[in-house]
Amino acid sequence: MAHATKDNNIHAKINQVAQSQADVLIAHYQHLQHAKGIIAYQGRQHYIAQLCALETYLTVAQRQTLKKILN
């Protein structure tokens, strides 16, 4: 849906919000990274899924972090 508009200001705002959200998701994932148990596992999977959905909007550094998480 974000790609449906030609307005550069809207695209910039969408990128800004997505990148901000990704920073939060990465921080939450890293908090759970070494936790044990099914709840921690499910939380990590949840954050990974959300980051993958935002991937097209991520900065290079955020994409590299996501790549490290997935490997």
N, C-alpha and C. Protein backbone atom coordinates (compact mmCIF):
# COMPACT_ATOMS: atom_id res chain seq x y z
N MET A 1 0.82 -1.18 0.00
CA MET A 1 0.00 0.00 0.00
C MET A 1 0.87 1.25 0.00
N ALA A 2 1.98 1.21 0.68
CA ALA A 2 2.87 2.37 0.73
C ALA A 2 3.41 2.70 -0.65
N HIS A 3 3.50 1.71 -1.51
CA HIS A 3 4.04 1.93 -2.84
C HIS A 3 2.99 2.48 -3.80
N ALA A 4 1.76 2.60 -3.35
CA ALA A 4 0.67 3.05 -4.23
C ALA A 4 0.69 4.56 -4.42
N THR A 5 1.37 5.29 -3.59
CA THR A 5 1.40 6.75 -3.70
C THR A 5 2.73 7.21 -4.31
N LYS A 6 2.67 8.32 -4.99
CA LYS A 6 3.87 8.90 -5.59
C LYS A 6 4.43 10.04 -4.74
N ASP A 7 3.77 10.35 -3.63
CA ASP A 7 4.16 11.46 -2.77
C ASP A 7 5.43 11.10 -1.99
N ASN A 8 6.52 11.79 -2.29
CA ASN A 8 7.81 11.50 -1.63
C ASN A 8 7.77 11.78 -0.14
N ASN A 9 6.99 12.76 0.29
CA ASN A 9 6.89 13.05 1.73
C ASN A 9 6.25 11.89 2.47
N ILE A 10 5.25 11.29 1.87
CA ILE A 10 4.60 10.13 2.50
C ILE A 10 5.57 8.96 2.56
N HIS A 11 6.30 8.72 1.47
CA HIS A 11 7.30 7.65 1.47
C HIS A 11 8.36 7.87 2.54
N ALA A 12 8.81 9.10 2.68
CA ALA A 12 9.83 9.40 3.69
C ALA A 12 9.29 9.15 5.09
N LYS A 13 8.06 9.54 5.35
CA LYS A 13 7.45 9.33 6.66
C LYS A 13 7.26 7.83 6.94
N ILE A 14 6.83 7.09 5.93
CA ILE A 14 6.66 5.64 6.09
C ILE A 14 7.99 4.98 6.41
N ASN A 15 9.05 5.38 5.69
CA ASN A 15 10.38 4.84 5.96
C ASN A 15 10.83 5.18 7.38
N GLN A 16 10.60 6.41 7.79
CA GLN A 16 11.00 6.84 9.13
C GLN A 16 10.29 6.03 10.21
N VAL A 17 9.00 5.84 10.06
CA VAL A 17 8.23 5.08 11.04
C VAL A 17 8.66 3.61 11.05
N ALA A 18 8.84 3.04 9.87
CA ALA A 18 9.24 1.63 9.77
C ALA A 18 10.62 1.41 10.40
N GLN A 19 11.56 2.32 10.15
CA GLN A 19 12.89 2.19 10.70
C GLN A 19 12.89 2.37 12.21
N SER A 20 12.07 3.26 12.70
CA SER A 20 11.93 3.45 14.14
C SER A 20 11.35 2.20 14.79
N GLN A 21 10.33 1.64 14.15
CA GLN A 21 9.71 0.42 14.66
C GLN A 21 10.72 -0.73 14.64
N ALA A 22 11.53 -0.80 13.59
CA ALA A 22 12.55 -1.85 13.51
C ALA A 22 13.56 -1.73 14.63
N ASP A 23 13.94 -0.50 14.98
CA ASP A 23 14.87 -0.32 16.11
C ASP A 23 14.28 -0.90 17.40
N VAL A 24 13.01 -0.66 17.62
CA VAL A 24 12.33 -1.18 18.81
C VAL A 24 12.29 -2.71 18.77
N LEU A 25 11.93 -3.27 17.60
CA LEU A 25 11.84 -4.72 17.47
C LEU A 25 13.20 -5.39 17.68
N ILE A 26 14.25 -4.79 17.13
CA ILE A 26 15.60 -5.34 17.30
C ILE A 26 15.98 -5.32 18.78
N ALA A 27 15.70 -4.23 19.45
CA ALA A 27 16.01 -4.14 20.88
C ALA A 27 15.26 -5.20 21.68
N HIS A 28 13.99 -5.40 21.38
CA HIS A 28 13.20 -6.43 22.08
C HIS A 28 13.74 -7.82 21.78
N TYR A 29 14.09 -8.07 20.51
CA TYR A 29 14.64 -9.37 20.15
C TYR A 29 15.94 -9.62 20.92
N GLN A 30 16.82 -8.62 20.95
CA GLN A 30 18.09 -8.78 21.64
C GLN A 30 17.90 -9.02 23.13
N HIS A 31 16.86 -8.44 23.70
CA HIS A 31 16.55 -8.66 25.11
C HIS A 31 16.19 -10.13 25.36
N LEU A 32 15.50 -10.75 24.40
CA LEU A 32 15.08 -12.15 24.53
C LEU A 32 16.10 -13.13 23.96
N GLN A 33 17.14 -12.63 23.35
CA GLN A 33 18.06 -13.46 22.58
C GLN A 33 18.59 -14.66 23.37
N HIS A 34 18.93 -14.48 24.61
CA HIS A 34 19.53 -15.57 25.39
C HIS A 34 18.57 -16.18 26.41
N ALA A 35 17.32 -15.73 26.37
CA ALA A 35 16.33 -16.29 27.29
C ALA A 35 15.96 -17.70 26.85
N LYS A 36 15.57 -18.51 27.80
CA LYS A 36 15.19 -19.89 27.51
C LYS A 36 13.70 -20.06 27.71
N GLY A 37 13.15 -21.08 27.09
CA GLY A 37 11.75 -21.42 27.27
C GLY A 37 10.91 -21.12 26.04
N ILE A 38 9.73 -21.69 26.04
CA ILE A 38 8.84 -21.59 24.89
C ILE A 38 8.33 -20.17 24.68
N ILE A 39 8.08 -19.45 25.75
CA ILE A 39 7.60 -18.07 25.63
C ILE A 39 8.67 -17.20 24.98
N ALA A 40 9.92 -17.36 25.39
CA ALA A 40 11.01 -16.60 24.79
C ALA A 40 11.17 -16.96 23.32
N TYR A 41 11.07 -18.25 23.00
CA TYR A 41 11.17 -18.69 21.61
C TYR A 41 10.06 -18.06 20.77
N GLN A 42 8.84 -18.10 21.27
CA GLN A 42 7.72 -17.52 20.53
C GLN A 42 7.90 -16.01 20.37
N GLY A 43 8.41 -15.35 21.38
CA GLY A 43 8.67 -13.91 21.30
C GLY A 43 9.70 -13.60 20.23
N ARG A 44 10.77 -14.38 20.20
CA ARG A 44 11.80 -14.17 19.17
C ARG A 44 11.22 -14.37 17.78
N GLN A 45 10.41 -15.41 17.61
CA GLN A 45 9.79 -15.67 16.31
C GLN A 45 8.87 -14.53 15.89
N HIS A 46 8.16 -13.98 16.84
CA HIS A 46 7.26 -12.86 16.59
C HIS A 46 8.05 -11.63 16.10
N TYR A 47 9.14 -11.32 16.78
CA TYR A 47 9.94 -10.16 16.39
C TYR A 47 10.60 -10.38 15.04
N ILE A 48 11.07 -11.58 14.77
CA ILE A 48 11.67 -11.89 13.47
C ILE A 48 10.64 -11.71 12.36
N ALA A 49 9.43 -12.19 12.55
CA ALA A 49 8.38 -12.06 11.54
C ALA A 49 8.07 -10.59 11.26
N GLN A 50 8.00 -9.79 12.31
CA GLN A 50 7.72 -8.36 12.12
C GLN A 50 8.87 -7.67 11.40
N LEU A 51 10.10 -8.01 11.75
CA LEU A 51 11.24 -7.41 11.07
C LEU A 51 11.29 -7.79 9.60
N CYS A 52 10.97 -9.04 9.30
CA CYS A 52 10.94 -9.48 7.90
C CYS A 52 9.87 -8.73 7.11
N ALA A 53 8.75 -8.44 7.74
CA ALA A 53 7.69 -7.68 7.07
C ALA A 53 8.13 -6.25 6.77
N LEU A 54 9.02 -5.70 7.59
CA LEU A 54 9.50 -4.33 7.40
C LEU A 54 10.77 -4.26 6.55
N GLU A 55 11.26 -5.37 6.11
CA GLU A 55 12.60 -5.44 5.49
C GLU A 55 12.82 -4.42 4.37
N THR A 56 11.84 -4.18 3.54
CA THR A 56 12.03 -3.26 2.42
C THR A 56 12.28 -1.83 2.87
N TYR A 57 11.93 -1.51 4.11
CA TYR A 57 12.08 -0.15 4.62
C TYR A 57 13.30 0.04 5.51
N LEU A 58 14.04 -1.04 5.78
CA LEU A 58 15.13 -0.98 6.75
C LEU A 58 16.38 -0.32 6.18
N THR A 59 17.14 0.27 7.08
CA THR A 59 18.44 0.82 6.70
C THR A 59 19.41 -0.33 6.48
N VAL A 60 20.56 -0.02 5.92
CA VAL A 60 21.57 -1.05 5.67
C VAL A 60 21.98 -1.71 6.99
N ALA A 61 22.19 -0.91 8.02
CA ALA A 61 22.60 -1.46 9.32
C ALA A 61 21.52 -2.38 9.89
N GLN A 62 20.27 -1.97 9.76
CA GLN A 62 19.17 -2.80 10.26
C GLN A 62 19.06 -4.10 9.47
N ARG A 63 19.28 -4.03 8.17
CA ARG A 63 19.25 -5.26 7.34
C ARG A 63 20.37 -6.20 7.73
N GLN A 64 21.54 -5.64 8.02
CA GLN A 64 22.66 -6.48 8.46
C GLN A 64 22.35 -7.14 9.79
N THR A 65 21.72 -6.41 10.69
CA THR A 65 21.32 -6.99 11.98
C THR A 65 20.31 -8.10 11.77
N LEU A 66 19.33 -7.87 10.90
CA LEU A 66 18.33 -8.90 10.60
C LEU A 66 19.00 -10.13 10.00
N LYS A 67 19.95 -9.92 9.13
CA LYS A 67 20.66 -11.06 8.51
C LYS A 67 21.39 -11.87 9.58
N LYS A 68 22.02 -11.18 10.55
CA LYS A 68 22.70 -11.88 11.65
C LYS A 68 21.72 -12.66 12.50
N ILE A 69 20.55 -12.07 12.73
CA ILE A 69 19.52 -12.74 13.52
C ILE A 69 19.05 -14.01 12.82
N LEU A 70 18.88 -13.93 11.51
CA LEU A 70 18.35 -15.07 10.77
C LEU A 70 19.37 -16.19 10.57
N ASN A 71 20.64 -15.89 10.71
CA ASN A 71 21.69 -16.92 10.53
C ASN A 71 22.07 -17.54 11.82
